[in-house]
């Protein structure tokens, strides 16, 4: 799962905290308490590798815990690459 995060002016947002949660798209609920976290790079890019197939959701946070953006739940197929870009509006 990879993507890019931009601010309200369309500029890359570096250092955003990006969380990946296991999520059930059918119920709209988190499957378990696991969270993977990475930071976006200086170009606003992030990448999670070797993600388990199944349902997921991405959340983007500023330093601290302010939520900037989140995705709807989505399914990842085995061996597939998913792209999710975010415009934080800030």
PDB file of N, CA and C in Angstrom:
ATOM      1  N   UNK A   1       0.875  -1.169   0.000  1.00  0.00           N
ATOM      2  CA  UNK A   1       0.000   0.000   0.000  1.00  0.00           C
ATOM      3  C   UNK A   1       0.909   1.214   0.000  1.00  0.00           C
ATOM      4  N   UNK A   2       0.654   2.120  -0.924  1.00  0.00           N
ATOM      5  CA  UNK A   2       1.505   3.303  -1.036  1.00  0.00           C
ATOM      6  C   UNK A   2       0.658   4.497  -1.433  1.00  0.00           C
ATOM      7  N   UNK A   3       1.251   5.659  -1.298  1.00  0.00           N
ATOM      8  CA  UNK A   3       0.545   6.858  -1.705  1.00  0.00           C
ATOM      9  C   UNK A   3       1.334   8.106  -1.382  1.00  0.00           C
ATOM     10  N   UNK A   4       0.647   9.215  -1.525  1.00  0.00           N
ATOM     11  CA  UNK A   4       1.261  10.520  -1.317  1.00  0.00           C
ATOM     12  C   UNK A   4       0.309  11.385  -0.510  1.00  0.00           C
ATOM     13  N   UNK A   5       0.872  12.218   0.349  1.00  0.00           N
ATOM     14  CA  UNK A   5       0.088  13.120   1.190  1.00  0.00           C
ATOM     15  C   UNK A   5       0.470  14.540   0.833  1.00  0.00           C
ATOM     16  N   UNK A   6      -0.544  15.364   0.588  1.00  0.00           N
ATOM     17  CA  UNK A   6      -0.322  16.769   0.231  1.00  0.00           C
ATOM     18  C   UNK A   6      -1.095  17.671   1.189  1.00  0.00           C
ATOM     19  N   UNK A   7      -0.567  18.881   1.350  1.00  0.00           N
ATOM     20  CA  UNK A   7      -1.258  19.867   2.182  1.00  0.00           C
ATOM     21  C   UNK A   7      -2.310  20.602   1.353  1.00  0.00           C
ATOM     22  N   UNK A   8      -2.938  21.590   1.926  1.00  0.00           N
ATOM     23  CA  UNK A   8      -4.001  22.337   1.259  1.00  0.00           C
ATOM     24  C   UNK A   8      -3.565  23.093   0.021  1.00  0.00           C
ATOM     25  N   UNK A   9      -2.273  23.358  -0.133  1.00  0.00           N
ATOM     26  CA  UNK A   9      -1.745  24.042  -1.310  1.00  0.00           C
ATOM     27  C   UNK A   9      -1.208  23.056  -2.347  1.00  0.00           C
ATOM     28  N   UNK A  10      -1.413  21.761  -2.114  1.00  0.00           N
ATOM     29  CA  UNK A  10      -0.943  20.752  -3.050  1.00  0.00           C
ATOM     30  C   UNK A  10       0.526  20.399  -2.911  1.00  0.00           C
ATOM     31  N   UNK A  11       1.164  20.893  -1.839  1.00  0.00           N
ATOM     32  CA  UNK A  11       2.584  20.616  -1.606  1.00  0.00           C
ATOM     33  C   UNK A  11       2.739  19.325  -0.797  1.00  0.00           C
ATOM     34  N   UNK A  12       3.843  18.592  -1.009  1.00  0.00           N
ATOM     35  CA  UNK A  12       4.071  17.367  -0.239  1.00  0.00           C
ATOM     36  C   UNK A  12       4.092  17.656   1.256  1.00  0.00           C
ATOM     37  N   UNK A  13       3.490  16.757   2.023  1.00  0.00           N
ATOM     38  CA  UNK A  13       3.465  16.891   3.476  1.00  0.00           C
ATOM     39  C   UNK A  13       4.421  15.867   4.066  1.00  0.00           C
ATOM     40  N   UNK A  14       5.598  16.342   4.482  1.00  0.00           N
ATOM     41  CA  UNK A  14       6.626  15.475   5.060  1.00  0.00           C
ATOM     42  C   UNK A  14       6.359  15.267   6.542  1.00  0.00           C
ATOM     43  N   UNK A  15       6.703  14.090   7.032  1.00  0.00           N
ATOM     44  CA  UNK A  15       6.633  13.814   8.464  1.00  0.00           C
ATOM     45  C   UNK A  15       5.251  13.530   9.001  1.00  0.00           C
ATOM     46  N   UNK A  16       4.275  13.319   8.137  1.00  0.00           N
ATOM     47  CA  UNK A  16       2.940  12.945   8.624  1.00  0.00           C
ATOM     48  C   UNK A  16       2.990  11.511   9.130  1.00  0.00           C
ATOM     49  N   UNK A  17       2.283  11.239  10.197  1.00  0.00           N
ATOM     50  CA  UNK A  17       2.192   9.881  10.736  1.00  0.00           C
ATOM     51  C   UNK A  17       1.094   9.153   9.968  1.00  0.00           C
ATOM     52  N   UNK A  18       1.419   8.023   9.370  1.00  0.00           N
ATOM     53  CA  UNK A  18       0.465   7.261   8.573  1.00  0.00           C
ATOM     54  C   UNK A  18       0.249   5.916   9.268  1.00  0.00           C
ATOM     55  N   UNK A  19      -1.008   5.657   9.632  1.00  0.00           N
ATOM     56  CA  UNK A  19      -1.359   4.420  10.327  1.00  0.00           C
ATOM     57  C   UNK A  19      -2.098   3.498   9.380  1.00  0.00           C
ATOM     58  N   UNK A  20      -1.788   2.216   9.462  1.00  0.00           N
ATOM     59  CA  UNK A  20      -2.506   1.182   8.726  1.00  0.00           C
ATOM     60  C   UNK A  20      -3.144   0.253   9.752  1.00  0.00           C
ATOM     61  N   UNK A  21      -4.464   0.139   9.654  1.00  0.00           N
ATOM     62  CA  UNK A  21      -5.215  -0.724  10.579  1.00  0.00           C
ATOM     63  C   UNK A  21      -5.880  -1.851   9.798  1.00  0.00           C
ATOM     64  N   UNK A  22      -6.014  -3.009  10.448  1.00  0.00           N
ATOM     65  CA  UNK A  22      -6.818  -4.093   9.889  1.00  0.00           C
ATOM     66  C   UNK A  22      -8.281  -3.725  10.107  1.00  0.00           C
ATOM     67  N   UNK A  23      -9.055  -3.717   9.029  1.00  0.00           N
ATOM     68  CA  UNK A  23     -10.418  -3.184   9.092  1.00  0.00           C
ATOM     69  C   UNK A  23     -11.366  -4.084   8.300  1.00  0.00           C
ATOM     70  N   UNK A  24     -12.563  -4.244   8.786  1.00  0.00           N
ATOM     71  CA  UNK A  24     -13.568  -5.036   8.078  1.00  0.00           C
ATOM     72  C   UNK A  24     -14.451  -4.100   7.269  1.00  0.00           C
ATOM     73  N   UNK A  25     -14.326  -4.097   5.946  1.00  0.00           N
ATOM     74  CA  UNK A  25     -15.142  -3.193   5.129  1.00  0.00           C
ATOM     75  C   UNK A  25     -16.648  -3.445   5.262  1.00  0.00           C
ATOM     76  N   UNK A  26     -17.034  -4.682   5.520  1.00  0.00           N
ATOM     77  CA  UNK A  26     -18.465  -5.009   5.615  1.00  0.00           C
ATOM     78  C   UNK A  26     -19.112  -4.436   6.873  1.00  0.00           C
ATOM     79  N   UNK A  27     -18.389  -4.501   7.997  1.00  0.00           N
ATOM     80  CA  UNK A  27     -18.958  -4.026   9.262  1.00  0.00           C
ATOM     81  C   UNK A  27     -18.535  -2.605   9.602  1.00  0.00           C
ATOM     82  N   UNK A  28     -17.455  -2.117   8.954  1.00  0.00           N
ATOM     83  CA  UNK A  28     -16.947  -0.789   9.268  1.00  0.00           C
ATOM     84  C   UNK A  28     -16.247  -0.722  10.606  1.00  0.00           C
ATOM     85  N   UNK A  29     -15.728  -1.860  11.075  1.00  0.00           N
ATOM     86  CA  UNK A  29     -15.070  -1.902  12.376  1.00  0.00           C
ATOM     87  C   UNK A  29     -13.665  -2.464  12.261  1.00  0.00           C
ATOM     88  N   UNK A  30     -12.834  -2.065  13.224  1.00  0.00           N
ATOM     89  CA  UNK A  30     -11.470  -2.568  13.267  1.00  0.00           C
ATOM     90  C   UNK A  30     -11.489  -4.038  13.652  1.00  0.00           C
ATOM     91  N   UNK A  31     -10.659  -4.837  12.995  1.00  0.00           N
ATOM     92  CA  UNK A  31     -10.622  -6.275  13.231  1.00  0.00           C
ATOM     93  C   UNK A  31      -9.877  -6.608  14.520  1.00  0.00           C
ATOM     94  N   UNK A  32      -8.759  -5.962  14.741  1.00  0.00           N
ATOM     95  CA  UNK A  32      -7.962  -6.196  15.940  1.00  0.00           C
ATOM     96  C   UNK A  32      -7.287  -4.891  16.338  1.00  0.00           C
ATOM     97  N   UNK A  33      -6.483  -4.925  17.358  1.00  0.00           N
ATOM     98  CA  UNK A  33      -5.846  -3.708  17.847  1.00  0.00           C
ATOM     99  C   UNK A  33      -4.529  -3.360  17.182  1.00  0.00           C
ATOM    100  N   UNK A  34      -4.138  -4.114  16.157  1.00  0.00           N
ATOM    101  CA  UNK A  34      -2.852  -3.866  15.503  1.00  0.00           C
ATOM    102  C   UNK A  34      -2.865  -2.583  14.683  1.00  0.00           C
ATOM    103  N   UNK A  35      -1.770  -1.838  14.795  1.00  0.00           N
ATOM    104  CA  UNK A  35      -1.568  -0.621  13.999  1.00  0.00           C
ATOM    105  C   UNK A  35      -0.118  -0.609  13.531  1.00  0.00           C
ATOM    106  N   UNK A  36       0.086  -0.417  12.235  1.00  0.00           N
ATOM    107  CA  UNK A  36       1.423  -0.181  11.699  1.00  0.00           C
ATOM    108  C   UNK A  36       1.551   1.315  11.451  1.00  0.00           C
ATOM    109  N   UNK A  37       2.681   1.895  11.818  1.00  0.00           N
ATOM    110  CA  UNK A  37       2.880   3.330  11.634  1.00  0.00           C
ATOM    111  C   UNK A  37       4.180   3.590  10.895  1.00  0.00           C
ATOM    112  N   UNK A  38       4.108   4.503   9.928  1.00  0.00           N
ATOM    113  CA  UNK A  38       5.296   5.011   9.253  1.00  0.00           C
ATOM    114  C   UNK A  38       5.128   6.522   9.104  1.00  0.00           C
ATOM    115  N   UNK A  39       6.209   7.195   8.742  1.00  0.00           N
ATOM    116  CA  UNK A  39       6.169   8.638   8.485  1.00  0.00           C
ATOM    117  C   UNK A  39       6.308   8.880   6.990  1.00  0.00           C
ATOM    118  N   UNK A  40       5.593   9.879   6.496  1.00  0.00           N
ATOM    119  CA  UNK A  40       5.760  10.245   5.086  1.00  0.00           C
ATOM    120  C   UNK A  40       7.140  10.885   4.905  1.00  0.00           C
ATOM    121  N   UNK A  41       7.732  10.662   3.733  1.00  0.00           N
ATOM    122  CA  UNK A  41       9.065  11.203   3.467  1.00  0.00           C
ATOM    123  C   UNK A  41       8.981  12.671   3.044  1.00  0.00           C
ATOM    124  N   UNK A  42      10.088  13.245   2.667  1.00  0.00           N
ATOM    125  CA  UNK A  42      10.116  14.680   2.316  1.00  0.00           C
ATOM    126  C   UNK A  42       9.289  15.001   1.076  1.00  0.00           C
ATOM    127  N   UNK A  43       8.974  13.977   0.279  1.00  0.00           N
ATOM    128  CA  UNK A  43       8.116  14.161  -0.892  1.00  0.00           C
ATOM    129  C   UNK A  43       6.651  13.826  -0.597  1.00  0.00           C
ATOM    130  N   UNK A  44       6.349  13.598   0.678  1.00  0.00           N
ATOM    131  CA  UNK A  44       4.987  13.274   1.081  1.00  0.00           C
ATOM    132  C   UNK A  44       4.584  11.841   0.777  1.00  0.00           C
ATOM    133  N   UNK A  45       5.543  11.018   0.415  1.00  0.00           N
ATOM    134  CA  UNK A  45       5.233   9.632   0.039  1.00  0.00           C
ATOM    135  C   UNK A  45       5.339   8.703   1.250  1.00  0.00           C
ATOM    136  N   UNK A  46       4.524   7.649   1.219  1.00  0.00           N
ATOM    137  CA  UNK A  46       4.596   6.601   2.230  1.00  0.00           C
ATOM    138  C   UNK A  46       4.421   5.258   1.532  1.00  0.00           C
ATOM    139  N   UNK A  47       4.874   4.194   2.189  1.00  0.00           N
ATOM    140  CA  UNK A  47       4.719   2.847   1.617  1.00  0.00           C
ATOM    141  C   UNK A  47       4.738   1.806   2.737  1.00  0.00           C
ATOM    142  N   UNK A  48       3.727   0.970   2.745  1.00  0.00           N
ATOM    143  CA  UNK A  48       3.689  -0.214   3.599  1.00  0.00           C
ATOM    144  C   UNK A  48       3.971  -1.407   2.693  1.00  0.00           C
ATOM    145  N   UNK A  49       4.924  -2.259   3.062  1.00  0.00           N
ATOM    146  CA  UNK A  49       5.269  -3.422   2.243  1.00  0.00           C
ATOM    147  C   UNK A  49       4.837  -4.703   2.950  1.00  0.00           C
ATOM    148  N   UNK A  50       4.641  -5.743   2.167  1.00  0.00           N
ATOM    149  CA  UNK A  50       4.253  -7.058   2.681  1.00  0.00           C
ATOM    150  C   UNK A  50       3.002  -6.997   3.557  1.00  0.00           C
ATOM    151  N   UNK A  51       2.012  -6.266   3.076  1.00  0.00           N
ATOM    152  CA  UNK A  51       0.747  -6.132   3.805  1.00  0.00           C
ATOM    153  C   UNK A  51      -0.068  -7.411   3.619  1.00  0.00           C
ATOM    154  N   UNK A  52      -0.645  -7.897   4.700  1.00  0.00           N
ATOM    155  CA  UNK A  52      -1.495  -9.078   4.644  1.00  0.00           C
ATOM    156  C   UNK A  52      -2.722  -8.787   3.779  1.00  0.00           C
ATOM    157  N   UNK A  53      -3.157  -9.756   2.972  1.00  0.00           N
ATOM    158  CA  UNK A  53      -4.403  -9.573   2.221  1.00  0.00           C
ATOM    159  C   UNK A  53      -5.574  -9.385   3.181  1.00  0.00           C
ATOM    160  N   UNK A  54      -6.595  -8.688   2.722  1.00  0.00           N
ATOM    161  CA  UNK A  54      -7.791  -8.480   3.532  1.00  0.00           C
ATOM    162  C   UNK A  54      -8.133  -7.012   3.649  1.00  0.00           C
ATOM    163  N   UNK A  55      -8.982  -6.701   4.609  1.00  0.00           N
ATOM    164  CA  UNK A  55      -9.472  -5.344   4.792  1.00  0.00           C
ATOM    165  C   UNK A  55      -8.519  -4.462   5.580  1.00  0.00           C
ATOM    166  N   UNK A  56      -8.448  -3.203   5.154  1.00  0.00           N
ATOM    167  CA  UNK A  56      -7.559  -2.241   5.808  1.00  0.00           C
ATOM    168  C   UNK A  56      -8.176  -0.844   5.766  1.00  0.00           C
ATOM    169  N   UNK A  57      -7.612   0.024   6.571  1.00  0.00           N
ATOM    170  CA  UNK A  57      -7.971   1.443   6.586  1.00  0.00           C
ATOM    171  C   UNK A  57      -6.698   2.215   6.903  1.00  0.00           C
ATOM    172  N   UNK A  58      -6.551   3.386   6.281  1.00  0.00           N
ATOM    173  CA  UNK A  58      -5.393   4.247   6.527  1.00  0.00           C
ATOM    174  C   UNK A  58      -5.869   5.517   7.217  1.00  0.00           C
ATOM    175  N   UNK A  59      -5.090   5.956   8.208  1.00  0.00           N
ATOM    176  CA  UNK A  59      -5.345   7.213   8.904  1.00  0.00           C
ATOM    177  C   UNK A  59      -4.063   8.039   8.870  1.00  0.00           C
ATOM    178  N   UNK A  60      -4.216   9.336   8.644  1.00  0.00           N
ATOM    179  CA  UNK A  60      -3.070  10.244   8.574  1.00  0.00           C
ATOM    180  C   UNK A  60      -3.184  11.241   9.718  1.00  0.00           C
ATOM    181  N   UNK A  61      -2.104  11.358  10.477  1.00  0.00           N
ATOM    182  CA  UNK A  61      -2.075  12.244  11.647  1.00  0.00           C
ATOM    183  C   UNK A  61      -0.928  13.237  11.538  1.00  0.00           C
ATOM    184  N   UNK A  62      -1.135  14.382  12.143  1.00  0.00           N
ATOM    185  CA  UNK A  62      -0.058  15.365  12.311  1.00  0.00           C
ATOM    186  C   UNK A  62       0.781  14.919  13.506  1.00  0.00           C
ATOM    187  N   UNK A  63       1.877  15.613  13.743  1.00  0.00           N
ATOM    188  CA  UNK A  63       2.640  15.341  14.956  1.00  0.00           C
ATOM    189  C   UNK A  63       1.683  15.562  16.120  1.00  0.00           C
ATOM    190  N   UNK A  64       1.728  14.674  17.079  1.00  0.00           N
ATOM    191  CA  UNK A  64       0.691  14.644  18.095  1.00  0.00           C
ATOM    192  C   UNK A  64      -0.364  13.665  17.614  1.00  0.00           C
ATOM    193  N   UNK A  65      -1.640  13.966  17.817  1.00  0.00           N
ATOM    194  CA  UNK A  65      -2.665  13.007  17.405  1.00  0.00           C
ATOM    195  C   UNK A  65      -3.784  13.648  16.608  1.00  0.00           C
ATOM    196  N   UNK A  66      -3.566  14.816  16.042  1.00  0.00           N
ATOM    197  CA  UNK A  66      -4.598  15.461  15.241  1.00  0.00           C
ATOM    198  C   UNK A  66      -4.800  14.696  13.932  1.00  0.00           C
ATOM    199  N   UNK A  67      -6.033  14.260  13.692  1.00  0.00           N
ATOM    200  CA  UNK A  67      -6.336  13.533  12.467  1.00  0.00           C
ATOM    201  C   UNK A  67      -6.398  14.505  11.296  1.00  0.00           C
ATOM    202  N   UNK A  68      -5.630  14.207  10.236  1.00  0.00           N
ATOM    203  CA  UNK A  68      -5.622  15.038   9.038  1.00  0.00           C
ATOM    204  C   UNK A  68      -6.492  14.451   7.941  1.00  0.00           C
ATOM    205  N   UNK A  69      -6.528  13.115   7.842  1.00  0.00           N
ATOM    206  CA  UNK A  69      -7.297  12.453   6.779  1.00  0.00           C
ATOM    207  C   UNK A  69      -7.411  10.974   7.117  1.00  0.00           C
ATOM    208  N   UNK A  70      -8.367  10.311   6.487  1.00  0.00           N
ATOM    209  CA  UNK A  70      -8.486   8.861   6.618  1.00  0.00           C
ATOM    210  C   UNK A  70      -9.164   8.310   5.373  1.00  0.00           C
ATOM    211  N   UNK A  71      -8.938   7.046   5.133  1.00  0.00           N
ATOM    212  CA  UNK A  71      -9.554   6.389   3.979  1.00  0.00           C
ATOM    213  C   UNK A  71     -10.793   5.635   4.428  1.00  0.00           C
ATOM    214  N   UNK A  72     -11.642   5.316   3.485  1.00  0.00           N
ATOM    215  CA  UNK A  72     -12.670   4.325   3.727  1.00  0.00           C
ATOM    216  C   UNK A  72     -11.965   2.982   3.824  1.00  0.00           C
ATOM    217  N   UNK A  73     -12.629   1.991   4.380  1.00  0.00           N
ATOM    218  CA  UNK A  73     -12.064   0.643   4.422  1.00  0.00           C
ATOM    219  C   UNK A  73     -11.966   0.105   2.994  1.00  0.00           C
ATOM    220  N   UNK A  74     -10.933  -0.674   2.736  1.00  0.00           N
ATOM    221  CA  UNK A  74     -10.730  -1.253   1.410  1.00  0.00           C
ATOM    222  C   UNK A  74     -10.066  -2.613   1.557  1.00  0.00           C
ATOM    223  N   UNK A  75     -10.241  -3.452   0.549  1.00  0.00           N
ATOM    224  CA  UNK A  75      -9.626  -4.776   0.532  1.00  0.00           C
ATOM    225  C   UNK A  75      -8.348  -4.757  -0.283  1.00  0.00           C
ATOM    226  N   UNK A  76      -7.363  -5.515   0.189  1.00  0.00           N
ATOM    227  CA  UNK A  76      -6.110  -5.694  -0.535  1.00  0.00           C
ATOM    228  C   UNK A  76      -6.024  -7.167  -0.925  1.00  0.00           C
ATOM    229  N   UNK A  77      -5.840  -7.416  -2.200  1.00  0.00           N
ATOM    230  CA  UNK A  77      -5.669  -8.779  -2.696  1.00  0.00           C
ATOM    231  C   UNK A  77      -4.215  -9.203  -2.554  1.00  0.00           C
ATOM    232  N   UNK A  78      -3.980 -10.499  -2.424  1.00  0.00           N
ATOM    233  CA  UNK A  78      -2.622 -11.024  -2.311  1.00  0.00           C
ATOM    234  C   UNK A  78      -1.803 -10.597  -3.527  1.00  0.00           C
ATOM    235  N   UNK A  79      -0.633 -10.033  -3.284  1.00  0.00           N
ATOM    236  CA  UNK A  79       0.277  -9.628  -4.348  1.00  0.00           C
ATOM    237  C   UNK A  79      -0.074  -8.325  -5.046  1.00  0.00           C
ATOM    238  N   UNK A  80      -1.176  -7.693  -4.665  1.00  0.00           N
ATOM    239  CA  UNK A  80      -1.607  -6.453  -5.322  1.00  0.00           C
ATOM    240  C   UNK A  80      -0.945  -5.241  -4.688  1.00  0.00           C
ATOM    241  N   UNK A  81      -0.850  -4.171  -5.469  1.00  0.00           N
ATOM    242  CA  UNK A  81      -0.410  -2.870  -4.960  1.00  0.00           C
ATOM    243  C   UNK A  81      -1.604  -1.945  -4.950  1.00  0.00           C
ATOM    244  N   UNK A  82      -1.877  -1.347  -3.821  1.00  0.00           N
ATOM    245  CA  UNK A  82      -2.966  -0.378  -3.679  1.00  0.00           C
ATOM    246  C   UNK A  82      -2.352   1.004  -3.516  1.00  0.00           C
ATOM    247  N   UNK A  83      -2.957   2.007  -4.141  1.00  0.00           N
ATOM    248  CA  UNK A  83      -2.496   3.385  -3.998  1.00  0.00           C
ATOM    249  C   UNK A  83      -3.598   4.206  -3.361  1.00  0.00           C
ATOM    250  N   UNK A  84      -3.250   4.907  -2.299  1.00  0.00           N
ATOM    251  CA  UNK A  84      -4.188   5.798  -1.612  1.00  0.00           C
ATOM    252  C   UNK A  84      -3.473   7.122  -1.369  1.00  0.00           C
ATOM    253  N   UNK A  85      -3.902   8.173  -2.099  1.00  0.00           N
ATOM    254  CA  UNK A  85      -3.361   9.518  -1.937  1.00  0.00           C
ATOM    255  C   UNK A  85      -4.298  10.332  -1.055  1.00  0.00           C
ATOM    256  N   UNK A  86      -3.735  11.295  -0.340  1.00  0.00           N
ATOM    257  CA  UNK A  86      -4.513  12.128   0.573  1.00  0.00           C
ATOM    258  C   UNK A  86      -4.199  13.599   0.371  1.00  0.00           C
ATOM    259  N   UNK A  87      -5.225  14.425   0.376  1.00  0.00           N
ATOM    260  CA  UNK A  87      -5.097  15.881   0.411  1.00  0.00           C
ATOM    261  C   UNK A  87      -5.656  16.289   1.761  1.00  0.00           C
ATOM    262  N   UNK A  88      -4.799  16.794   2.634  1.00  0.00           N
ATOM    263  CA  UNK A  88      -5.222  17.093   3.994  1.00  0.00           C
ATOM    264  C   UNK A  88      -6.022  18.376   4.112  1.00  0.00           C
ATOM    265  N   UNK A  89      -5.981  19.217   3.083  1.00  0.00           N
ATOM    266  CA  UNK A  89      -6.717  20.479   3.145  1.00  0.00           C
ATOM    267  C   UNK A  89      -6.081  21.498   4.064  1.00  0.00           C
ATOM    268  N   UNK A  90      -4.867  21.245   4.518  1.00  0.00           N
ATOM    269  CA  UNK A  90      -4.179  22.181   5.429  1.00  0.00           C
ATOM    270  C   UNK A  90      -2.865  22.627   4.867  1.00  0.00           C
TER     271      UNK A  90
END
